[in-house]
Amino acid sequence: MKKQVRLSKIKNVIVIAVAYMIMSCSTTTYYYQVHNVEIPEDIKEIEGELVYENDDCKVIYNLWGEGGTIAFSFFNKTDKNIYINLDECFFISNGVSYDYFKNRTFTNSSVIQTIKVIGKDGIPTGKKTKESSKTSTFTSGNSVSVKEKKVITIPAYTSKNISEYSIHTDLIRNCDLFRYPKKAQLNSIDYQNETSPIVFSNIISYSTDKTSQDITSIKNEFYVGQITNYMAKDIISKTKGEYCGEVKIGNPKSIFTNQKPNRFYIKYNKAKGDSFKH
């Protein structure tokens, strides 16, 4: 009897150990590489946004997001139309230029399926019953094609959002930067414009007349000035959210504790068998 009890205990220990191993293997630890972007003197951080401004317009950025976003909002400050010439607008990353105008055609399609139930007398009925003899299915659809505009019109005192590219999606590695850092291993790598692994800019061309005879070009230039790798738990916290003094009921929401408009991140995890520390 004692032997059976002992064997039973051993089996329970083995089951628990195996379950723990399975759970350990299935748990994925995520890391975040945060890029801190240096902005030029003609761009100011105002109320959580990066703002460039001249007499005609405001160009507004928020780089935060996975891979970073170079999308911008163009606000027309004047009392007349402004025309953005997309064929003369470019995103430039490490010396390579990418077009904003691609001469594309966008198609939106929709399909509608209708099922009719036909009664024994041949008259359509609203629902299927024992007396119904058959059903008929009718499918119809339509699509609308829209040609990409080479010139975008922005009316007076309004804005439009223009989005096309991510800043950078590949992990940056450095011998002085731990890829999978523990709390005590957190450190940053600093760069100057000349040494930065990521230098990027937007060229935005616009005119105040429809003939595009007098074109103004804006060049907003940026570079990554600092890179830090974090474990997810070191930069993400949980909050239930609050509005007008009321706390949200339900599961808490994850938020980044170091989110800023001049930063972006790359999410990654440790691959199986990866023994590299940097």
Foldseek 3Di string as FASTA:
>chain_A
DVVVVVVVVVVVVVVVVVVVVVVVVPDFWKKKKKFFKDFDPQWDQDPQWTWHDDPFWIWIFFQADALTWPKIKIWGADQFKKKWQQQPKWKAKPRDTDGLDDFDKDKDKDKDKDKWFAFPVRDTDDDDDPRTDDMDMDMDMDMDIDTDDRMDMDHHGGMDIRTDDGQGADDDDDPQAFQADDPVSKDKDFDDPVGFPIKMWIWIWMDRDPVSPDIDIDITIMTGGMIIMGTPVVFKDWAQDDDPRDGHDDGTDIDGNPRGSSMYIHMDTDDPPDPDGD
